């Protein structure tokens, strides 16, 4: 069987996901279009050869409505013959886009595909898709008579069930910033970041969400984000330890991966950088919601025939600090390999754009360190998770 390979993978630098953030003035279509155009140009690829563009985006309303993938493809100047679709697997949307693109290559229906993602949380805030009203969870009342809860409660439940203290969470979060800041200073992100031209003509190239001065002591002074007396009665085990400091910030950003069959890449004179080794996706408890990374990883390791010690680096999305910490506990994982360049707590979490962002950082780390295998997993709203193992070539 032919391999599905990554020829290139890029991302934008993060912008704070609020008015005044570095990327707020840029329409999300332009944010993704610039990312796509630069990736194609730096590989000298004729975009007419692309079979499909699969775009992850969570809040597909407002500026991100009506198939933002297709709009961005046209805005990037690709031929009208290049199709695109936009998908929503919550925070794992662009990781799922990479799965679909690679699986299309493996199935022989694509020679060249792009997996990408975008989210402008400053222009299309979380929850925008339900702002018009409606009750999307209403039909689940019979299955969950006490009702579901938001992701913050899921993070609190994970912290409680894995006996993670506030000090554990804050120390991990400070380390995320420390690692991200150190790698940024060393130029480690330069290959994966494409410069974005802003409306005033300036360019954005530095992650705006990284705070080099962050310390665990400073984070300890922040108040709980989600404390609620009504929910406290329902969940007495919760310690209310989740704060803005040990959660990922609201973020604007985009990312994209150029995925091909190995034969097509070589025929075009392009160098495959990694191949897709294993895919997994699973559902989990929709109340706890964020622990799906554990069964997804078990599934990926079983399918791959690899053990956790065979993996040279792990990217476990830092939606909230308890998620990667619980994952590391479950697998007895070497924490020096866990998010070694920092994670979403520092680098940001632009929802639909996060999956291929993590993959970009993971691949560049494997290349810089000589690692062979990398594992990426992402918790997702509604109780799901994707896991991917890539092999550096």
Protein backbone atom coordinates (compact mmCIF):
# COMPACT_ATOMS: atom_id res chain seq x y z
CA UNK A 1 0.00 0.00 0.00
CA UNK A 2 1.21 3.50 -0.81
CA UNK A 3 2.12 5.74 2.11
CA UNK A 4 0.33 8.98 2.90
CA UNK A 5 3.03 11.53 3.67
CA UNK A 6 3.35 15.06 4.95
CA UNK A 7 5.37 17.18 2.54
CA UNK A 8 4.93 20.42 4.46
CA UNK A 9 2.99 21.70 7.44
CA UNK A 10 2.67 25.29 8.61
CA UNK A 11 0.81 27.49 11.03
CA UNK A 12 0.30 31.12 11.86
CA UNK A 13 1.63 32.61 15.04
CA UNK A 14 -1.15 32.84 17.61
CA UNK A 15 -3.16 35.97 18.26
CA UNK A 16 -5.12 36.72 21.41
CA UNK A 17 -8.72 35.78 20.73
CA UNK A 18 -10.30 39.06 21.74
CA UNK A 19 -10.76 42.54 20.25
CA UNK A 20 -7.35 44.16 20.20
CA UNK A 21 -5.59 40.84 19.58
CA UNK A 22 -2.97 40.86 16.84
CA UNK A 23 -5.16 38.99 14.33
CA UNK A 24 -8.55 40.46 15.25
CA UNK A 25 -8.58 42.90 12.32
CA UNK A 26 -8.10 40.10 9.78
CA UNK A 27 -11.10 38.23 8.44
CA UNK A 28 -10.75 34.47 9.17
CA UNK A 29 -11.09 33.74 5.46
CA UNK A 30 -8.01 35.87 4.84
CA UNK A 31 -6.21 34.25 7.77
CA UNK A 32 -6.67 30.78 6.27
CA UNK A 33 -6.18 31.93 2.68
CA UNK A 34 -2.80 33.48 3.43
CA UNK A 35 -1.75 30.29 5.20
CA UNK A 36 -2.78 28.11 2.26
CA UNK A 37 -1.19 30.36 -0.36
CA UNK A 38 2.16 30.54 1.41
CA UNK A 39 2.34 26.79 1.91
CA UNK A 40 1.74 26.18 -1.79
CA UNK A 41 4.19 28.87 -2.86
CA UNK A 42 7.03 27.69 -0.67
CA UNK A 43 6.72 24.20 -2.18
CA UNK A 44 6.43 25.40 -5.78
CA UNK A 45 3.21 23.45 -6.24
CA UNK A 46 0.62 24.23 -8.89
CA UNK A 47 -2.61 24.44 -6.84
CA UNK A 48 -4.58 23.04 -9.78
CA UNK A 49 -3.13 19.64 -8.85
CA UNK A 50 -4.85 19.60 -5.44
CA UNK A 51 -7.68 17.09 -5.26
CA UNK A 52 -9.38 18.47 -2.15
CA UNK A 53 -8.96 20.89 0.75
CA UNK A 54 -10.47 19.74 4.05
CA UNK A 55 -10.82 22.54 6.59
CA UNK A 56 -11.54 22.27 10.29
CA UNK A 57 -13.60 25.01 11.91
CA UNK A 58 -15.77 24.79 15.02
CA UNK A 59 -17.98 27.89 15.04
CA UNK A 60 -19.21 27.86 11.46
CA UNK A 61 -21.38 30.98 11.74
CA UNK A 62 -20.91 34.67 11.00
CA UNK A 63 -17.51 35.31 9.43
CA UNK A 64 -16.86 31.56 9.43
CA UNK A 65 -20.14 30.45 7.83
CA UNK A 66 -20.96 28.93 4.45
CA UNK A 67 -18.01 26.53 4.10
CA UNK A 68 -15.06 28.70 5.07
CA UNK A 69 -12.69 26.17 3.46
CA UNK A 70 -14.10 26.81 0.00
CA UNK A 71 -14.14 30.58 0.52
CA UNK A 72 -10.51 30.53 1.66
CA UNK A 73 -9.46 28.39 -1.32
CA UNK A 74 -10.96 30.95 -3.70
CA UNK A 75 -9.51 33.86 -1.73
CA UNK A 76 -6.06 32.23 -1.93
CA UNK A 77 -6.31 32.36 -5.71
CA UNK A 78 -6.56 28.62 -6.27
CA UNK A 79 -8.35 27.57 -9.47
CA UNK A 80 -12.11 27.19 -9.22
CA UNK A 81 -11.62 23.48 -9.95
CA UNK A 82 -10.15 22.93 -6.44
CA UNK A 83 -12.95 21.85 -4.05
CA UNK A 84 -13.09 22.18 -0.30
CA UNK A 85 -15.26 21.14 2.60
CA UNK A 86 -15.41 22.34 6.19
CA UNK A 87 -15.78 19.88 9.05
CA UNK A 88 -16.48 20.09 12.77
CA UNK A 89 -15.11 17.55 15.19
CA UNK A 90 -14.87 20.25 17.82
CA UNK A 91 -11.30 20.92 18.99
CA UNK A 92 -9.99 18.04 16.88
CA UNK A 93 -11.43 19.37 13.62
CA UNK A 94 -8.18 19.91 11.73
CA UNK A 95 -6.63 16.74 13.17
CA UNK A 96 -9.66 14.93 11.77
CA UNK A 97 -9.13 16.83 8.50
CA UNK A 98 -5.61 15.38 8.39
CA UNK A 99 -7.06 11.89 8.98
CA UNK A 100 -9.57 12.32 6.17
CA UNK A 101 -6.94 13.70 3.77
CA UNK A 102 -4.43 10.94 4.51
CA UNK A 103 -7.10 8.25 4.39
CA UNK A 104 -8.21 9.59 1.01
CA UNK A 105 -4.64 9.23 -0.23
CA UNK A 106 -4.39 5.70 1.17
CA UNK A 107 -7.71 4.79 -0.48
CA UNK A 108 -6.40 6.01 -3.82
CA UNK A 109 -9.03 8.72 -4.30
CA UNK A 110 -6.60 11.59 -3.65
CA UNK A 111 -3.06 12.12 -4.90
CA UNK A 112 -2.69 15.51 -3.22
CA UNK A 113 -4.84 16.98 -0.45
CA UNK A 114 -4.60 19.76 2.08
CA UNK A 115 -5.79 19.41 5.65
CA UNK A 116 -6.16 22.73 7.39
CA UNK A 117 -8.07 24.62 10.05
CA UNK A 118 -8.90 28.08 11.25
CA UNK A 119 -10.64 29.83 14.12
CA UNK A 120 -11.00 33.52 14.81
CA UNK A 121 -12.21 33.45 18.39
CA UNK A 122 -11.99 37.24 18.59
CA UNK A 123 -14.51 37.66 15.75
CA UNK A 124 -16.61 34.52 16.21
CA UNK A 125 -16.62 33.83 19.97
CA UNK A 126 -17.20 30.42 21.52
CA UNK A 127 -20.90 29.67 21.66
CA UNK A 128 -21.71 31.79 18.61
CA UNK A 129 -23.27 28.81 16.88
CA UNK A 130 -26.03 28.68 19.53
CA UNK A 131 -26.48 32.42 19.88
CA UNK A 132 -29.54 32.31 17.63
CA UNK A 133 -31.31 30.16 20.17
CA UNK A 134 -32.35 26.54 20.17
CA UNK A 135 -31.62 23.66 22.49
CA UNK A 136 -29.17 21.29 20.78
CA UNK A 137 -28.91 18.96 23.79
CA UNK A 138 -32.62 18.80 24.52
CA UNK A 139 -33.18 15.37 22.92
CA UNK A 140 -30.47 13.90 25.16
CA UNK A 141 -32.46 14.58 28.32
CA UNK A 142 -33.65 10.98 28.56
CA UNK A 143 -30.09 9.72 28.35
CA UNK A 144 -28.64 12.38 30.67
CA UNK A 145 -31.56 13.36 32.93
CA UNK A 146 -29.39 15.61 35.13
CA UNK A 147 -28.10 17.42 32.08
CA UNK A 148 -24.65 17.80 30.57
CA UNK A 149 -22.18 20.45 31.65
CA UNK A 150 -19.58 22.64 29.94
CA UNK A 151 -15.94 21.72 29.38
CA UNK A 152 -14.74 23.55 32.47
CA UNK A 153 -16.67 21.10 34.63
CA UNK A 154 -15.15 18.22 32.67
CA UNK A 155 -11.69 19.58 33.44
CA UNK A 156 -12.59 19.91 37.13
CA UNK A 157 -13.85 16.32 37.21
CA UNK A 158 -10.64 15.03 35.64
CA UNK A 159 -8.55 16.94 38.18
CA UNK A 160 -10.61 15.44 41.00
CA UNK A 161 -10.65 11.87 39.69
CA UNK A 162 -6.93 11.77 38.96
CA UNK A 163 -6.17 13.54 42.27
CA UNK A 164 -4.38 16.45 40.59
CA UNK A 165 -3.84 19.39 42.92
CA UNK A 166 -4.01 23.06 42.08
CA UNK A 167 -0.23 23.14 42.56
CA UNK A 168 0.17 20.33 39.98
CA UNK A 169 -1.90 22.23 37.44
CA UNK A 170 -0.16 25.56 37.93
CA UNK A 171 3.33 24.04 37.84
CA UNK A 172 2.50 22.27 34.57
CA UNK A 173 1.07 25.47 33.09
CA UNK A 174 4.11 27.53 34.03
CA UNK A 175 6.29 24.89 32.41
CA UNK A 176 4.27 25.19 29.19
CA UNK A 177 5.09 28.89 28.99
CA UNK A 178 8.72 28.28 29.96
CA UNK A 179 9.21 25.69 27.23
CA UNK A 180 7.40 27.71 24.57
CA UNK A 181 9.32 30.88 25.39
CA UNK A 182 12.68 29.09 25.34
CA UNK A 183 12.00 27.44 21.97
CA UNK A 184 10.70 30.69 20.49
CA UNK A 185 13.88 32.45 21.58
CA UNK A 186 15.94 29.71 19.91
CA UNK A 187 14.03 30.06 16.62
CA UNK A 188 12.56 26.58 16.94
CA UNK A 189 9.17 27.69 15.57
CA UNK A 190 10.55 29.61 12.60
CA UNK A 191 10.12 26.82 10.05
CA UNK A 192 6.49 26.16 10.93
CA UNK A 193 5.27 29.76 11.22
CA UNK A 194 4.25 31.63 8.07
CA UNK A 195 4.10 35.43 8.31
CA UNK A 196 0.60 36.89 8.13
CA UNK A 197 0.09 40.31 6.58
CA UNK A 198 -2.26 42.43 8.66
CA UNK A 199 -4.64 45.11 7.35
CA UNK A 200 -2.16 47.87 8.28
CA UNK A 201 0.57 46.23 6.19
CA UNK A 202 2.59 44.89 9.12
CA UNK A 203 3.32 41.18 9.57
CA UNK A 204 2.55 38.90 12.48
CA UNK A 205 5.16 36.21 13.24
CA UNK A 206 5.33 35.82 17.03
CA UNK A 207 2.93 33.88 19.24
CA UNK A 208 1.06 36.51 21.18
CA UNK A 209 -0.17 34.13 23.88
CA UNK A 210 3.23 33.05 25.25
CA UNK A 211 4.16 34.76 28.53
CA UNK A 212 7.81 34.13 29.36
CA UNK A 213 7.44 35.63 32.84
CA UNK A 214 4.79 33.13 33.97
CA UNK A 215 5.49 31.34 37.24
CA UNK A 216 3.55 28.81 39.27
CA UNK A 217 3.58 31.26 42.17
CA UNK A 218 1.97 33.92 40.01
CA UNK A 219 -0.67 31.53 38.72
CA UNK A 220 -1.54 30.52 42.27
CA UNK A 221 -3.16 33.92 42.83
CA UNK A 222 -5.81 33.45 40.12
CA UNK A 223 -9.39 32.65 41.06
CA UNK A 224 -11.45 29.69 39.88
CA UNK A 225 -13.04 30.22 36.48
CA UNK A 226 -16.04 27.96 36.88
CA UNK A 227 -17.12 27.91 40.53
CA UNK A 228 -20.88 27.53 40.69
CA UNK A 229 -22.88 26.80 43.84
CA UNK A 230 -25.51 24.80 41.99
CA UNK A 231 -22.95 22.60 40.28
CA UNK A 232 -20.97 22.31 43.53
CA UNK A 233 -23.94 20.50 45.06
CA UNK A 234 -24.13 18.14 42.08
CA UNK A 235 -20.37 17.49 41.94
CA UNK A 236 -19.12 17.62 45.53
CA UNK A 237 -15.78 16.08 44.56
CA UNK A 238 -14.75 19.11 42.51
CA UNK A 239 -11.99 21.26 44.02
CA UNK A 240 -12.57 24.27 41.73
CA UNK A 241 -8.93 24.41 40.67
CA UNK A 242 -9.34 25.44 37.02
CA UNK A 243 -8.34 29.07 36.38
CA UNK A 244 -7.45 31.20 33.35
CA UNK A 245 -3.83 30.39 34.10
CA UNK A 246 -4.09 26.61 33.77
CA UNK A 247 -6.45 26.72 30.79
CA UNK A 248 -5.74 27.44 27.13
CA UNK A 249 -6.42 31.06 26.15
CA UNK A 250 -8.96 32.18 23.56
CA UNK A 251 -6.92 32.31 20.36
CA UNK A 252 -7.00 33.29 16.69
CA UNK A 253 -4.96 31.19 14.27
CA UNK A 254 -4.78 28.92 11.24
CA UNK A 255 -2.67 25.95 10.14
CA UNK A 256 -2.34 23.64 7.14
CA UNK A 257 -0.69 20.38 6.06
CA UNK A 258 0.22 19.35 2.50
CA UNK A 259 -0.48 15.62 2.25
CA UNK A 260 0.30 13.37 -0.73
CA UNK A 261 1.00 9.86 -1.78
CA UNK A 262 4.71 9.19 -1.47
CA UNK A 263 4.88 8.40 -5.19
CA UNK A 264 3.35 11.73 -6.19
CA UNK A 265 5.65 13.66 -3.85
CA UNK A 266 8.74 12.04 -5.32
CA UNK A 267 7.47 12.53 -8.88
CA UNK A 268 7.11 16.25 -8.16
CA UNK A 269 10.61 16.45 -6.70
CA UNK A 270 9.27 17.08 -3.19
CA UNK A 271 10.69 15.49 -0.05
CA UNK A 272 8.29 13.62 2.25
CA UNK A 273 8.94 14.67 5.84
CA UNK A 274 6.75 12.13 7.66
CA UNK A 275 4.25 9.40 6.98
CA UNK A 276 0.97 8.71 8.70
CA UNK A 277 1.48 5.52 10.70
CA UNK A 278 -1.75 5.05 12.71
CA UNK A 279 -5.15 6.70 13.10
CA UNK A 280 -7.67 6.40 15.92
CA UNK A 281 -10.84 8.18 16.96
CA UNK A 282 -13.17 7.34 19.81
CA UNK A 283 -16.06 8.59 21.86
CA UNK A 284 -16.06 9.03 25.63
CA UNK A 285 -18.35 10.16 28.47
CA UNK A 286 -19.96 13.41 27.25
CA UNK A 287 -20.13 14.75 30.80
CA UNK A 288 -16.46 14.36 31.66
CA UNK A 289 -15.91 15.03 27.96
CA UNK A 290 -12.14 15.58 27.95
CA UNK A 291 -10.74 12.16 28.95
CA UNK A 292 -11.22 10.63 25.50
CA UNK A 293 -7.50 11.12 24.87
CA UNK A 294 -6.88 8.04 27.03
CA UNK A 295 -8.98 5.45 25.12
CA UNK A 296 -7.94 7.06 21.82
CA UNK A 297 -4.28 6.60 22.72
CA UNK A 298 -4.86 3.01 23.86
CA UNK A 299 -6.54 2.34 20.51
CA UNK A 300 -3.73 3.98 18.51
CA UNK A 301 -0.99 2.09 20.36
CA UNK A 302 -2.82 -1.23 19.94
CA UNK A 303 -3.27 -0.67 16.22
CA UNK A 304 0.30 0.48 15.72
CA UNK A 305 2.00 -2.34 17.60
CA UNK A 306 4.06 0.29 19.43
CA UNK A 307 4.44 0.90 23.14
CA UNK A 308 4.45 4.28 24.81
CA UNK A 309 8.23 4.07 25.23
CA UNK A 310 8.63 3.72 21.46
CA UNK A 311 7.13 7.20 20.99
CA UNK A 312 9.75 9.95 20.96
CA UNK A 313 7.38 12.87 21.58
CA UNK A 314 3.74 13.25 22.60
CA UNK A 315 1.50 16.20 21.82
CA UNK A 316 -1.53 16.06 24.13
CA UNK A 317 -3.57 19.20 23.66
CA UNK A 318 -3.53 21.47 26.70
CA UNK A 319 -7.15 22.55 26.56
CA UNK A 320 -6.88 22.44 30.36
CA UNK A 321 -3.87 21.31 32.38
CA UNK A 322 -5.61 18.23 33.89
CA UNK A 323 -6.00 16.65 30.45
CA UNK A 324 -2.31 16.00 29.61
CA UNK A 325 -1.49 15.35 33.27
CA UNK A 326 -4.17 12.65 33.59
CA UNK A 327 -3.03 11.21 30.25
CA UNK A 328 0.59 11.09 31.43
CA UNK A 329 -0.47 9.37 34.65
CA UNK A 330 -2.47 6.76 32.76
CA UNK A 331 0.44 5.85 30.47
CA UNK A 332 3.27 6.44 32.94
CA UNK A 333 4.64 8.71 30.23
CA UNK A 334 7.99 10.47 30.32
CA UNK A 335 6.98 14.09 30.89
CA UNK A 336 10.13 15.37 29.20
CA UNK A 337 8.57 14.04 25.97
CA UNK A 338 5.14 15.55 26.72
CA UNK A 339 4.53 18.78 24.80
CA UNK A 340 8.28 19.40 24.74
CA UNK A 341 7.93 22.82 23.08
CA UNK A 342 5.08 23.93 25.28
CA UNK A 343 1.42 23.42 24.56
CA UNK A 344 -1.84 25.24 24.08
CA UNK A 345 -1.73 26.86 27.52
CA UNK A 346 1.16 28.92 26.14
CA UNK A 347 0.88 28.65 22.35
CA UNK A 348 -2.90 29.05 22.20
CA UNK A 349 -5.84 26.92 21.11
CA UNK A 350 -7.60 28.28 18.01
CA UNK A 351 -10.14 25.43 18.11
CA UNK A 352 -10.51 24.36 14.46
CA UNK A 353 -6.90 25.30 13.74
CA UNK A 354 -5.32 23.41 16.62
CA UNK A 355 -5.05 19.91 15.18
CA UNK A 356 -2.67 20.71 12.34
CA UNK A 357 -0.94 23.27 14.60
CA UNK A 358 0.02 20.53 17.04
CA UNK A 359 1.11 18.31 14.17
CA UNK A 360 3.37 21.05 12.80
CA UNK A 361 5.06 21.52 16.15
CA UNK A 362 5.38 17.76 16.67
CA UNK A 363 6.98 17.11 13.29
CA UNK A 364 9.44 19.97 13.62
CA UNK A 365 10.44 18.69 17.05
CA UNK A 366 11.04 15.16 15.71
CA UNK A 367 13.18 16.58 12.93
CA UNK A 368 15.19 18.75 15.30
CA UNK A 369 15.85 15.92 17.77
CA UNK A 370 16.12 12.94 15.43
CA UNK A 371 13.04 11.26 16.87
CA UNK A 372 11.20 8.69 14.80
CA UNK A 373 7.65 8.42 16.14
CA UNK A 374 5.34 11.14 17.39
CA UNK A 375 1.89 10.73 18.90
CA UNK A 376 -0.74 13.46 18.93
CA UNK A 377 -4.11 13.34 20.69
CA UNK A 378 -6.82 15.90 21.22
CA UNK A 379 -9.81 15.99 23.57
CA UNK A 380 -13.00 17.19 21.92
CA UNK A 381 -16.36 18.64 22.89
CA UNK A 382 -19.17 16.15 23.31
CA UNK A 383 -16.79 13.46 24.56
CA UNK A 384 -14.53 12.40 21.68
CA UNK A 385 -10.83 12.28 20.85
CA UNK A 386 -8.54 11.73 17.89
CA UNK A 387 -5.11 10.15 18.10
CA UNK A 388 -2.49 10.09 15.35
CA UNK A 389 0.95 8.51 15.16
CA UNK A 390 3.35 9.90 12.58
CA UNK A 391 6.75 8.54 11.59
CA UNK A 392 9.49 10.97 10.63
CA UNK A 393 11.17 10.12 7.33
